[in-house]
């Protein structure tokens, strides 16, 4: 796990929107989404509940 990916996680958790977080991080939305999925795979838990136009932390995401 890289510090950069933790920074991505925190930005998405704060913004509750992947597109907005990607803009603030100056990366593309698909790149950010891929990094979050890889983080979830690495940890073996779902950190976010993805909705149509927003994203929320799961209970595991809150603990992380």
PDB file of N, CA and C in Angstrom:
ATOM      1  N   UNK A   1       0.851  -1.173   0.000  1.00  0.00           N
ATOM      2  CA  UNK A   1       0.000   0.000   0.000  1.00  0.00           C
ATOM      3  C   UNK A   1       0.899   1.239   0.000  1.00  0.00           C
ATOM      4  N   UNK A   2       0.582   2.147  -0.872  1.00  0.00           N
ATOM      5  CA  UNK A   2       1.384   3.361  -1.008  1.00  0.00           C
ATOM      6  C   UNK A   2       0.688   4.547  -0.349  1.00  0.00           C
ATOM      7  N   UNK A   3       1.481   5.485   0.123  1.00  0.00           N
ATOM      8  CA  UNK A   3       0.960   6.694   0.749  1.00  0.00           C
ATOM      9  C   UNK A   3       0.044   7.452  -0.217  1.00  0.00           C
ATOM     10  N   UNK A   4       0.394   7.431  -1.492  1.00  0.00           N
ATOM     11  CA  UNK A   4      -0.405   8.111  -2.520  1.00  0.00           C
ATOM     12  C   UNK A   4      -1.834   7.560  -2.543  1.00  0.00           C
ATOM     13  N   UNK A   5      -1.974   6.248  -2.425  1.00  0.00           N
ATOM     14  CA  UNK A   5      -3.296   5.618  -2.460  1.00  0.00           C
ATOM     15  C   UNK A   5      -4.091   5.978  -1.207  1.00  0.00           C
ATOM     16  N   UNK A   6      -3.426   6.097  -0.079  1.00  0.00           N
ATOM     17  CA  UNK A   6      -4.110   6.538   1.149  1.00  0.00           C
ATOM     18  C   UNK A   6      -4.623   7.966   0.988  1.00  0.00           C
ATOM     19  N   UNK A   7      -3.834   8.799   0.329  1.00  0.00           N
ATOM     20  CA  UNK A   7      -4.249  10.169   0.034  1.00  0.00           C
ATOM     21  C   UNK A   7      -5.501  10.162  -0.851  1.00  0.00           C
ATOM     22  N   UNK A   8      -5.529   9.278  -1.837  1.00  0.00           N
ATOM     23  CA  UNK A   8      -6.692   9.138  -2.713  1.00  0.00           C
ATOM     24  C   UNK A   8      -7.920   8.737  -1.896  1.00  0.00           C
ATOM     25  N   UNK A   9      -7.741   7.749  -1.034  1.00  0.00           N
ATOM     26  CA  UNK A   9      -8.840   7.277  -0.189  1.00  0.00           C
ATOM     27  C   UNK A   9      -9.416   8.431   0.642  1.00  0.00           C
ATOM     28  N   UNK A  10      -8.546   9.182   1.283  1.00  0.00           N
ATOM     29  CA  UNK A  10      -9.003  10.285   2.135  1.00  0.00           C
ATOM     30  C   UNK A  10      -9.746  11.357   1.343  1.00  0.00           C
ATOM     31  N   UNK A  11      -9.271  11.651   0.146  1.00  0.00           N
ATOM     32  CA  UNK A  11      -9.925  12.673  -0.679  1.00  0.00           C
ATOM     33  C   UNK A  11     -11.321  12.211  -1.102  1.00  0.00           C
ATOM     34  N   UNK A  12     -11.452  10.970  -1.503  1.00  0.00           N
ATOM     35  CA  UNK A  12     -12.760  10.453  -1.916  1.00  0.00           C
ATOM     36  C   UNK A  12     -13.698  10.408  -0.713  1.00  0.00           C
ATOM     37  N   UNK A  13     -13.198   9.989   0.437  1.00  0.00           N
ATOM     38  CA  UNK A  13     -14.024   9.943   1.648  1.00  0.00           C
ATOM     39  C   UNK A  13     -14.513  11.350   2.011  1.00  0.00           C
ATOM     40  N   UNK A  14     -13.656  12.331   1.854  1.00  0.00           N
ATOM     41  CA  UNK A  14     -14.021  13.708   2.183  1.00  0.00           C
ATOM     42  C   UNK A  14     -15.027  14.285   1.191  1.00  0.00           C
ATOM     43  N   UNK A  15     -14.776  14.066  -0.093  1.00  0.00           N
ATOM     44  CA  UNK A  15     -15.613  14.662  -1.134  1.00  0.00           C
ATOM     45  C   UNK A  15     -16.898  13.876  -1.397  1.00  0.00           C
ATOM     46  N   UNK A  16     -16.903  12.591  -1.085  1.00  0.00           N
ATOM     47  CA  UNK A  16     -18.035  11.708  -1.363  1.00  0.00           C
ATOM     48  C   UNK A  16     -18.428  11.722  -2.837  1.00  0.00           C
ATOM     49  N   UNK A  17     -17.433  11.929  -3.697  1.00  0.00           N
ATOM     50  CA  UNK A  17     -17.656  11.968  -5.140  1.00  0.00           C
ATOM     51  C   UNK A  17     -16.330  11.694  -5.829  1.00  0.00           C
ATOM     52  N   UNK A  18     -16.264  10.622  -6.606  1.00  0.00           N
ATOM     53  CA  UNK A  18     -14.993  10.237  -7.233  1.00  0.00           C
ATOM     54  C   UNK A  18     -14.554  11.261  -8.275  1.00  0.00           C
ATOM     55  N   UNK A  19     -15.482  11.762  -9.065  1.00  0.00           N
ATOM     56  CA  UNK A  19     -15.127  12.732 -10.105  1.00  0.00           C
ATOM     57  C   UNK A  19     -14.538  13.998  -9.494  1.00  0.00           C
ATOM     58  N   UNK A  20     -15.184  14.517  -8.468  1.00  0.00           N
ATOM     59  CA  UNK A  20     -14.697  15.728  -7.795  1.00  0.00           C
ATOM     60  C   UNK A  20     -13.331  15.465  -7.156  1.00  0.00           C
ATOM     61  N   UNK A  21     -13.181  14.317  -6.503  1.00  0.00           N
ATOM     62  CA  UNK A  21     -11.901  13.969  -5.878  1.00  0.00           C
ATOM     63  C   UNK A  21     -10.803  13.863  -6.933  1.00  0.00           C
ATOM     64  N   UNK A  22     -11.111  13.249  -8.066  1.00  0.00           N
ATOM     65  CA  UNK A  22     -10.124  13.113  -9.139  1.00  0.00           C
ATOM     66  C   UNK A  22      -9.686  14.486  -9.644  1.00  0.00           C
ATOM     67  N   UNK A  23     -10.626  15.399  -9.786  1.00  0.00           N
ATOM     68  CA  UNK A  23     -10.286  16.759 -10.227  1.00  0.00           C
ATOM     69  C   UNK A  23      -9.339  17.423  -9.229  1.00  0.00           C
ATOM     70  N   UNK A  24      -9.647  17.293  -7.948  1.00  0.00           N
ATOM     71  CA  UNK A  24      -8.812  17.914  -6.914  1.00  0.00           C
ATOM     72  C   UNK A  24      -7.430  17.273  -6.825  1.00  0.00           C
ATOM     73  N   UNK A  25      -7.359  15.988  -7.152  1.00  0.00           N
ATOM     74  CA  UNK A  25      -6.080  15.269  -7.110  1.00  0.00           C
ATOM     75  C   UNK A  25      -5.302  15.388  -8.421  1.00  0.00           C
ATOM     76  N   UNK A  26      -5.935  15.979  -9.437  1.00  0.00           N
ATOM     77  CA  UNK A  26      -5.327  16.158 -10.758  1.00  0.00           C
ATOM     78  C   UNK A  26      -4.995  14.822 -11.413  1.00  0.00           C
ATOM     79  N   UNK A  27      -5.946  13.879 -11.298  1.00  0.00           N
ATOM     80  CA  UNK A  27      -5.828  12.594 -11.987  1.00  0.00           C
ATOM     81  C   UNK A  27      -7.165  12.312 -12.657  1.00  0.00           C
ATOM     82  N   UNK A  28      -7.193  11.323 -13.525  1.00  0.00           N
ATOM     83  CA  UNK A  28      -8.446  11.002 -14.194  1.00  0.00           C
ATOM     84  C   UNK A  28      -9.338  10.157 -13.286  1.00  0.00           C
ATOM     85  N   UNK A  29     -10.623  10.232 -13.526  1.00  0.00           N
ATOM     86  CA  UNK A  29     -11.590   9.477 -12.729  1.00  0.00           C
ATOM     87  C   UNK A  29     -11.381   7.972 -12.849  1.00  0.00           C
ATOM     88  N   UNK A  30     -11.155   7.432 -14.077  1.00  0.00           N
ATOM     89  CA  UNK A  30     -10.922   5.984 -14.167  1.00  0.00           C
ATOM     90  C   UNK A  30      -9.684   5.524 -13.386  1.00  0.00           C
ATOM     91  N   UNK A  31      -8.639   6.334 -13.393  1.00  0.00           N
ATOM     92  CA  UNK A  31      -7.430   5.996 -12.633  1.00  0.00           C
ATOM     93  C   UNK A  31      -7.735   5.943 -11.145  1.00  0.00           C
ATOM     94  N   UNK A  32      -8.472   6.915 -10.655  1.00  0.00           N
ATOM     95  CA  UNK A  32      -8.823   6.951  -9.236  1.00  0.00           C
ATOM     96  C   UNK A  32      -9.703   5.760  -8.871  1.00  0.00           C
ATOM     97  N   UNK A  33     -10.685   5.471  -9.688  1.00  0.00           N
ATOM     98  CA  UNK A  33     -11.569   4.329  -9.432  1.00  0.00           C
ATOM     99  C   UNK A  33     -10.769   3.029  -9.377  1.00  0.00           C
ATOM    100  N   UNK A  34      -9.849   2.864 -10.311  1.00  0.00           N
ATOM    101  CA  UNK A  34      -9.026   1.655 -10.362  1.00  0.00           C
ATOM    102  C   UNK A  34      -8.165   1.524  -9.104  1.00  0.00           C
ATOM    103  N   UNK A  35      -7.600   2.641  -8.648  1.00  0.00           N
ATOM    104  CA  UNK A  35      -6.772   2.618  -7.450  1.00  0.00           C
ATOM    105  C   UNK A  35      -7.593   2.234  -6.211  1.00  0.00           C
ATOM    106  N   UNK A  36      -8.820   2.732  -6.136  1.00  0.00           N
ATOM    107  CA  UNK A  36      -9.685   2.397  -4.999  1.00  0.00           C
ATOM    108  C   UNK A  36     -10.067   0.922  -5.010  1.00  0.00           C
ATOM    109  N   UNK A  37     -10.363   0.395  -6.184  1.00  0.00           N
ATOM    110  CA  UNK A  37     -10.705  -1.028  -6.298  1.00  0.00           C
ATOM    111  C   UNK A  37      -9.506  -1.888  -5.914  1.00  0.00           C
ATOM    112  N   UNK A  38      -8.313  -1.487  -6.345  1.00  0.00           N
ATOM    113  CA  UNK A  38      -7.106  -2.242  -5.984  1.00  0.00           C
ATOM    114  C   UNK A  38      -6.862  -2.183  -4.476  1.00  0.00           C
ATOM    115  N   UNK A  39      -7.117  -1.038  -3.854  1.00  0.00           N
ATOM    116  CA  UNK A  39      -6.972  -0.916  -2.405  1.00  0.00           C
ATOM    117  C   UNK A  39      -7.947  -1.841  -1.691  1.00  0.00           C
ATOM    118  N   UNK A  40      -9.198  -1.849  -2.148  1.00  0.00           N
ATOM    119  CA  UNK A  40     -10.197  -2.740  -1.554  1.00  0.00           C
ATOM    120  C   UNK A  40      -9.797  -4.201  -1.725  1.00  0.00           C
ATOM    121  N   UNK A  41      -9.276  -4.554  -2.894  1.00  0.00           N
ATOM    122  CA  UNK A  41      -8.823  -5.924  -3.127  1.00  0.00           C
ATOM    123  C   UNK A  41      -7.658  -6.285  -2.205  1.00  0.00           C
ATOM    124  N   UNK A  42      -6.741  -5.348  -2.043  1.00  0.00           N
ATOM    125  CA  UNK A  42      -5.576  -5.575  -1.183  1.00  0.00           C
ATOM    126  C   UNK A  42      -5.997  -5.790   0.277  1.00  0.00           C
ATOM    127  N   UNK A  43      -6.973  -5.013   0.726  1.00  0.00           N
ATOM    128  CA  UNK A  43      -7.434  -5.108   2.112  1.00  0.00           C
ATOM    129  C   UNK A  43      -8.446  -6.232   2.312  1.00  0.00           C
ATOM    130  N   UNK A  44      -9.088  -6.642   1.231  1.00  0.00           N
ATOM    131  CA  UNK A  44     -10.085  -7.700   1.315  1.00  0.00           C
ATOM    132  C   UNK A  44     -11.418  -7.248   1.883  1.00  0.00           C
ATOM    133  N   UNK A  45     -11.694  -5.956   1.808  1.00  0.00           N
ATOM    134  CA  UNK A  45     -12.975  -5.409   2.282  1.00  0.00           C
ATOM    135  C   UNK A  45     -13.461  -4.341   1.312  1.00  0.00           C
ATOM    136  N   UNK A  46     -14.758  -4.093   1.338  1.00  0.00           N
ATOM    137  CA  UNK A  46     -15.335  -3.007   0.542  1.00  0.00           C
ATOM    138  C   UNK A  46     -15.320  -1.751   1.400  1.00  0.00           C
ATOM    139  N   UNK A  47     -14.622  -0.725   0.941  1.00  0.00           N
ATOM    140  CA  UNK A  47     -14.486   0.517   1.697  1.00  0.00           C
ATOM    141  C   UNK A  47     -15.585   1.520   1.377  1.00  0.00           C
ATOM    142  N   UNK A  48     -16.138   1.422   0.171  1.00  0.00           N
ATOM    143  CA  UNK A  48     -17.134   2.383  -0.291  1.00  0.00           C
ATOM    144  C   UNK A  48     -18.380   1.691  -0.796  1.00  0.00           C
ATOM    145  N   UNK A  49     -19.502   2.349  -0.588  1.00  0.00           N
ATOM    146  CA  UNK A  49     -20.753   1.934  -1.211  1.00  0.00           C
ATOM    147  C   UNK A  49     -20.979   2.902  -2.366  1.00  0.00           C
ATOM    148  N   UNK A  50     -20.896   2.382  -3.574  1.00  0.00           N
ATOM    149  CA  UNK A  50     -21.021   3.225  -4.758  1.00  0.00           C
ATOM    150  C   UNK A  50     -22.483   3.379  -5.135  1.00  0.00           C
ATOM    151  N   UNK A  51     -22.885   4.624  -5.326  1.00  0.00           N
ATOM    152  CA  UNK A  51     -24.256   4.937  -5.740  1.00  0.00           C
ATOM    153  C   UNK A  51     -24.194   5.629  -7.093  1.00  0.00           C
ATOM    154  N   UNK A  52     -25.355   5.956  -7.640  1.00  0.00           N
ATOM    155  CA  UNK A  52     -25.432   6.553  -8.979  1.00  0.00           C
ATOM    156  C   UNK A  52     -24.538   7.795  -9.117  1.00  0.00           C
ATOM    157  N   UNK A  53     -24.672   8.747  -8.208  1.00  0.00           N
ATOM    158  CA  UNK A  53     -23.922  10.009  -8.341  1.00  0.00           C
ATOM    159  C   UNK A  53     -23.132  10.360  -7.088  1.00  0.00           C
ATOM    160  N   UNK A  54     -22.909   9.378  -6.226  1.00  0.00           N
ATOM    161  CA  UNK A  54     -22.131   9.646  -5.017  1.00  0.00           C
ATOM    162  C   UNK A  54     -21.513   8.350  -4.523  1.00  0.00           C
ATOM    163  N   UNK A  55     -20.733   8.483  -3.494  1.00  0.00           N
ATOM    164  CA  UNK A  55     -20.054   7.340  -2.899  1.00  0.00           C
ATOM    165  C   UNK A  55     -20.035   7.565  -1.389  1.00  0.00           C
ATOM    166  N   UNK A  56     -20.302   6.517  -0.627  1.00  0.00           N
ATOM    167  CA  UNK A  56     -20.310   6.623   0.831  1.00  0.00           C
ATOM    168  C   UNK A  56     -19.399   5.580   1.418  1.00  0.00           C
ATOM    169  N   UNK A  57     -18.827   5.896   2.563  1.00  0.00           N
ATOM    170  CA  UNK A  57     -17.988   4.924   3.266  1.00  0.00           C
ATOM    171  C   UNK A  57     -18.861   3.809   3.844  1.00  0.00           C
ATOM    172  N   UNK A  58     -18.370   2.592   3.759  1.00  0.00           N
ATOM    173  CA  UNK A  58     -19.013   1.473   4.467  1.00  0.00           C
ATOM    174  C   UNK A  58     -18.501   1.510   5.901  1.00  0.00           C
ATOM    175  N   UNK A  59     -19.022   0.638   6.735  1.00  0.00           N
ATOM    176  CA  UNK A  59     -18.534   0.593   8.129  1.00  0.00           C
ATOM    177  C   UNK A  59     -17.056   0.219   8.155  1.00  0.00           C
ATOM    178  N   UNK A  60     -16.622  -0.656   7.242  1.00  0.00           N
ATOM    179  CA  UNK A  60     -15.202  -1.007   7.142  1.00  0.00           C
ATOM    180  C   UNK A  60     -14.373   0.205   6.708  1.00  0.00           C
ATOM    181  N   UNK A  61     -14.933   0.989   5.797  1.00  0.00           N
ATOM    182  CA  UNK A  61     -14.253   2.207   5.348  1.00  0.00           C
ATOM    183  C   UNK A  61     -14.102   3.215   6.466  1.00  0.00           C
ATOM    184  N   UNK A  62     -15.105   3.310   7.309  1.00  0.00           N
ATOM    185  CA  UNK A  62     -15.032   4.222   8.458  1.00  0.00           C
ATOM    186  C   UNK A  62     -13.921   3.783   9.415  1.00  0.00           C
ATOM    187  N   UNK A  63     -13.811   2.477   9.632  1.00  0.00           N
ATOM    188  CA  UNK A  63     -12.765   1.967  10.515  1.00  0.00           C
ATOM    189  C   UNK A  63     -11.377   2.161   9.928  1.00  0.00           C
ATOM    190  N   UNK A  64     -11.278   2.008   8.619  1.00  0.00           N
ATOM    191  CA  UNK A  64      -9.988   2.163   7.951  1.00  0.00           C
ATOM    192  C   UNK A  64      -9.526   3.603   8.049  1.00  0.00           C
TER     193      UNK A  64
END
